[in-house]
Amino acid sequence: MSTVKVLPLLEPEAVAPCCPPLTERPLTAEEAERTALMFKALGDPVRLRLFSAVASHDGGEACVCDISDVGVSQPTVSHHLKKLREAGLLSSERRGTWVYYRVEPTVLAAMGQLLARAAAA
């Protein structure tokens, strides 16, 4: 007799975008804080290049070994990738000795929605 219990698969919950379009209403203090962290992380040219390299990489994810050529040392690349993860822009997964990064699924949509112009009434 087996003691293995089969658990049902749960669909991942959709993460709500950080904020409404800027033209819709003023941001709350919490929304402004989350948004500022995101833009602060992208405010550094090296971080922006790393984010772009991951976002545009084939398959939607990139090994750190494929995106490290941004003109700074490997420890600095790791520091910048950590800041992008802390801001919620990237997620990572270790596979053997390498770490693979991908843009969080709702990030680009949320950024686009935030900067989108409100629909005309």
C-alpha atoms as a PDB file:
ATOM      1  CA  MET A   1       0.000   0.000   0.000  1.00  0.00           C
ATOM      2  CA  SER A   2       1.390   3.367  -1.037  1.00  0.00           C
ATOM      3  CA  THR A   3       1.575   6.333   1.332  1.00  0.00           C
ATOM      4  CA  VAL A   4       2.035   8.829  -1.485  1.00  0.00           C
ATOM      5  CA  LYS A   5      -0.668  11.471  -1.526  1.00  0.00           C
ATOM      6  CA  VAL A   6      -1.497  13.057  -4.862  1.00  0.00           C
ATOM      7  CA  LEU A   7      -2.093  16.779  -4.571  1.00  0.00           C
ATOM      8  CA  PRO A   8      -4.080  18.763  -7.114  1.00  0.00           C
ATOM      9  CA  LEU A   9      -2.227  21.196  -9.334  1.00  0.00           C
ATOM     10  CA  LEU A  10      -3.060  24.808  -8.666  1.00  0.00           C
ATOM     11  CA  GLU A  11      -3.090  27.429 -11.355  1.00  0.00           C
ATOM     12  CA  PRO A  12      -0.686  30.249 -10.527  1.00  0.00           C
ATOM     13  CA  GLU A  13      -2.499  33.362  -9.455  1.00  0.00           C
ATOM     14  CA  ALA A  14      -2.163  36.284 -11.791  1.00  0.00           C
ATOM     15  CA  VAL A  15      -0.153  39.027 -10.161  1.00  0.00           C
ATOM     16  CA  ALA A  16      -1.893  42.350 -10.417  1.00  0.00           C
ATOM     17  CA  PRO A  17       0.120  45.084 -12.071  1.00  0.00           C
ATOM     18  CA  CYS A  18       1.740  47.485  -9.657  1.00  0.00           C
ATOM     19  CA  CYS A  19      -0.315  50.504 -10.459  1.00  0.00           C
ATOM     20  CA  PRO A  20      -2.986  52.066 -12.637  1.00  0.00           C
ATOM     21  CA  PRO A  21      -1.937  54.278 -15.550  1.00  0.00           C
ATOM     22  CA  LEU A  22      -0.412  57.509 -14.272  1.00  0.00           C
ATOM     23  CA  THR A  23      -3.082  59.497 -16.097  1.00  0.00           C
ATOM     24  CA  GLU A  24      -5.938  57.620 -14.390  1.00  0.00           C
ATOM     25  CA  ARG A  25      -5.529  58.843 -10.810  1.00  0.00           C
ATOM     26  CA  PRO A  26      -2.809  59.830  -8.361  1.00  0.00           C
ATOM     27  CA  LEU A  27      -0.795  56.915  -7.011  1.00  0.00           C
ATOM     28  CA  THR A  28      -1.215  55.866  -3.393  1.00  0.00           C
ATOM     29  CA  ALA A  29       1.860  55.987  -1.174  1.00  0.00           C
ATOM     30  CA  GLU A  30       2.249  52.190  -1.432  1.00  0.00           C
ATOM     31  CA  GLU A  31       1.910  52.207  -5.229  1.00  0.00           C
ATOM     32  CA  ALA A  32       4.432  55.031  -5.509  1.00  0.00           C
ATOM     33  CA  GLU A  33       6.889  53.137  -3.293  1.00  0.00           C
ATOM     34  CA  ARG A  34       6.674  49.948  -5.409  1.00  0.00           C
ATOM     35  CA  THR A  35       6.913  51.902  -8.651  1.00  0.00           C
ATOM     36  CA  ALA A  36       9.883  53.956  -7.441  1.00  0.00           C
ATOM     37  CA  LEU A  37      11.790  50.756  -6.547  1.00  0.00           C
ATOM     38  CA  MET A  38      11.197  49.426 -10.037  1.00  0.00           C
ATOM     39  CA  PHE A  39      12.335  52.612 -11.778  1.00  0.00           C
ATOM     40  CA  LYS A  40      15.257  53.085  -9.396  1.00  0.00           C
ATOM     41  CA  ALA A  41      16.503  49.611 -10.276  1.00  0.00           C
ATOM     42  CA  LEU A  42      16.229  50.420 -13.986  1.00  0.00           C
ATOM     43  CA  GLY A  43      17.812  53.860 -13.514  1.00  0.00           C
ATOM     44  CA  ASP A  44      21.311  52.421 -13.753  1.00  0.00           C
ATOM     45  CA  PRO A  45      22.597  51.896 -17.327  1.00  0.00           C
ATOM     46  CA  VAL A  46      24.236  48.534 -16.495  1.00  0.00           C
ATOM     47  CA  ARG A  47      21.024  47.257 -14.871  1.00  0.00           C
ATOM     48  CA  LEU A  48      18.974  48.454 -17.810  1.00  0.00           C
ATOM     49  CA  ARG A  49      21.309  46.608 -20.198  1.00  0.00           C
ATOM     50  CA  LEU A  50      21.103  43.426 -18.110  1.00  0.00           C
ATOM     51  CA  PHE A  51      17.298  43.665 -17.905  1.00  0.00           C
ATOM     52  CA  SER A  52      17.117  44.197 -21.660  1.00  0.00           C
ATOM     53  CA  ALA A  53      19.486  41.278 -22.302  1.00  0.00           C
ATOM     54  CA  VAL A  54      17.300  38.932 -20.253  1.00  0.00           C
ATOM     55  CA  ALA A  55      14.020  40.238 -21.690  1.00  0.00           C
ATOM     56  CA  SER A  56      15.203  39.894 -25.286  1.00  0.00           C
ATOM     57  CA  HIS A  57      17.045  36.577 -24.908  1.00  0.00           C
ATOM     58  CA  ASP A  58      15.759  33.537 -26.816  1.00  0.00           C
ATOM     59  CA  GLY A  59      13.284  31.546 -24.749  1.00  0.00           C
ATOM     60  CA  GLY A  60      12.638  34.408 -22.349  1.00  0.00           C
ATOM     61  CA  GLU A  61      15.435  33.464 -19.988  1.00  0.00           C
ATOM     62  CA  ALA A  62      19.183  33.865 -19.956  1.00  0.00           C
ATOM     63  CA  CYS A  63      22.073  32.224 -18.187  1.00  0.00           C
ATOM     64  CA  VAL A  64      24.279  34.660 -16.337  1.00  0.00           C
ATOM     65  CA  CYS A  65      27.118  33.354 -18.531  1.00  0.00           C
ATOM     66  CA  ASP A  66      25.289  34.715 -21.612  1.00  0.00           C
ATOM     67  CA  ILE A  67      24.632  38.241 -20.346  1.00  0.00           C
ATOM     68  CA  SER A  68      27.765  39.126 -18.357  1.00  0.00           C
ATOM     69  CA  ASP A  69      29.442  41.137 -21.115  1.00  0.00           C
ATOM     70  CA  VAL A  70      28.232  44.597 -20.070  1.00  0.00           C
ATOM     71  CA  GLY A  71      31.595  46.214 -19.373  1.00  0.00           C
ATOM     72  CA  VAL A  72      31.831  45.544 -15.628  1.00  0.00           C
ATOM     73  CA  SER A  73      33.334  42.756 -13.509  1.00  0.00           C
ATOM     74  CA  GLN A  74      31.426  39.557 -12.679  1.00  0.00           C
ATOM     75  CA  PRO A  75      30.876  40.549  -9.015  1.00  0.00           C
ATOM     76  CA  THR A  76      29.374  43.835 -10.218  1.00  0.00           C
ATOM     77  CA  VAL A  77      27.087  41.973 -12.632  1.00  0.00           C
ATOM     78  CA  SER A  78      25.931  39.787  -9.741  1.00  0.00           C
ATOM     79  CA  HIS A  79      25.267  42.874  -7.618  1.00  0.00           C
ATOM     80  CA  HIS A  80      23.154  44.475 -10.340  1.00  0.00           C
ATOM     81  CA  LEU A  81      21.202  41.269 -10.986  1.00  0.00           C
ATOM     82  CA  LYS A  82      20.499  41.055  -7.248  1.00  0.00           C
ATOM     83  CA  LYS A  83      19.112  44.603  -7.292  1.00  0.00           C
ATOM     84  CA  LEU A  84      16.857  43.720 -10.247  1.00  0.00           C
ATOM     85  CA  ARG A  85      15.588  40.659  -8.361  1.00  0.00           C
ATOM     86  CA  GLU A  86      14.980  42.681  -5.202  1.00  0.00           C
ATOM     87  CA  ALA A  87      12.918  45.170  -7.214  1.00  0.00           C
ATOM     88  CA  GLY A  88      10.762  42.294  -8.486  1.00  0.00           C
ATOM     89  CA  LEU A  89      11.854  42.738 -12.087  1.00  0.00           C
ATOM     90  CA  LEU A  90      13.691  39.423 -12.481  1.00  0.00           C
ATOM     91  CA  SER A  91      13.421  35.958 -11.024  1.00  0.00           C
ATOM     92  CA  SER A  92      16.242  33.423 -10.985  1.00  0.00           C
ATOM     93  CA  GLU A  93      16.809  29.699 -10.830  1.00  0.00           C
ATOM     94  CA  ARG A  94      20.049  27.856 -10.141  1.00  0.00           C
ATOM     95  CA  ARG A  95      20.768  24.950 -12.482  1.00  0.00           C
ATOM     96  CA  GLY A  96      23.990  23.240 -11.575  1.00  0.00           C
ATOM     97  CA  THR A  97      26.690  25.891 -11.389  1.00  0.00           C
ATOM     98  CA  TRP A  98      24.798  28.489 -13.449  1.00  0.00           C
ATOM     99  CA  VAL A  99      21.965  30.835 -12.561  1.00  0.00           C
ATOM    100  CA  TYR A 100      19.263  31.525 -15.125  1.00  0.00           C
ATOM    101  CA  TYR A 101      17.266  34.767 -15.070  1.00  0.00           C
ATOM    102  CA  ARG A 102      13.891  35.628 -16.539  1.00  0.00           C
ATOM    103  CA  VAL A 103      11.727  38.720 -16.483  1.00  0.00           C
ATOM    104  CA  GLU A 104       8.821  38.297 -14.098  1.00  0.00           C
ATOM    105  CA  PRO A 105       5.766  37.505 -16.269  1.00  0.00           C
ATOM    106  CA  THR A 106       3.697  40.570 -15.401  1.00  0.00           C
ATOM    107  CA  VAL A 107       6.513  43.130 -15.248  1.00  0.00           C
ATOM    108  CA  LEU A 108       6.526  44.301 -18.866  1.00  0.00           C
ATOM    109  CA  ALA A 109       2.720  44.450 -18.984  1.00  0.00           C
ATOM    110  CA  ALA A 110       2.618  46.350 -15.700  1.00  0.00           C
ATOM    111  CA  MET A 111       5.256  48.826 -16.881  1.00  0.00           C
ATOM    112  CA  GLY A 112       3.378  49.336 -20.133  1.00  0.00           C
ATOM    113  CA  GLN A 113       0.079  49.831 -18.322  1.00  0.00           C
ATOM    114  CA  LEU A 114       1.610  52.287 -15.885  1.00  0.00           C
ATOM    115  CA  LEU A 115       2.912  54.481 -18.689  1.00  0.00           C
ATOM    116  CA  ALA A 116      -0.068  53.986 -20.987  1.00  0.00           C
ATOM    117  CA  ARG A 117      -2.291  56.881 -21.689  1.00  0.00           C
ATOM    118  CA  ALA A 118      -5.766  56.526 -20.215  1.00  0.00           C
ATOM    119  CA  ALA A 119      -8.402  55.600 -22.799  1.00  0.00           C
ATOM    120  CA  ALA A 120     -10.483  58.483 -24.022  1.00  0.00           C
ATOM    121  CA  ALA A 121     -13.958  58.519 -22.501  1.00  0.00           C
END
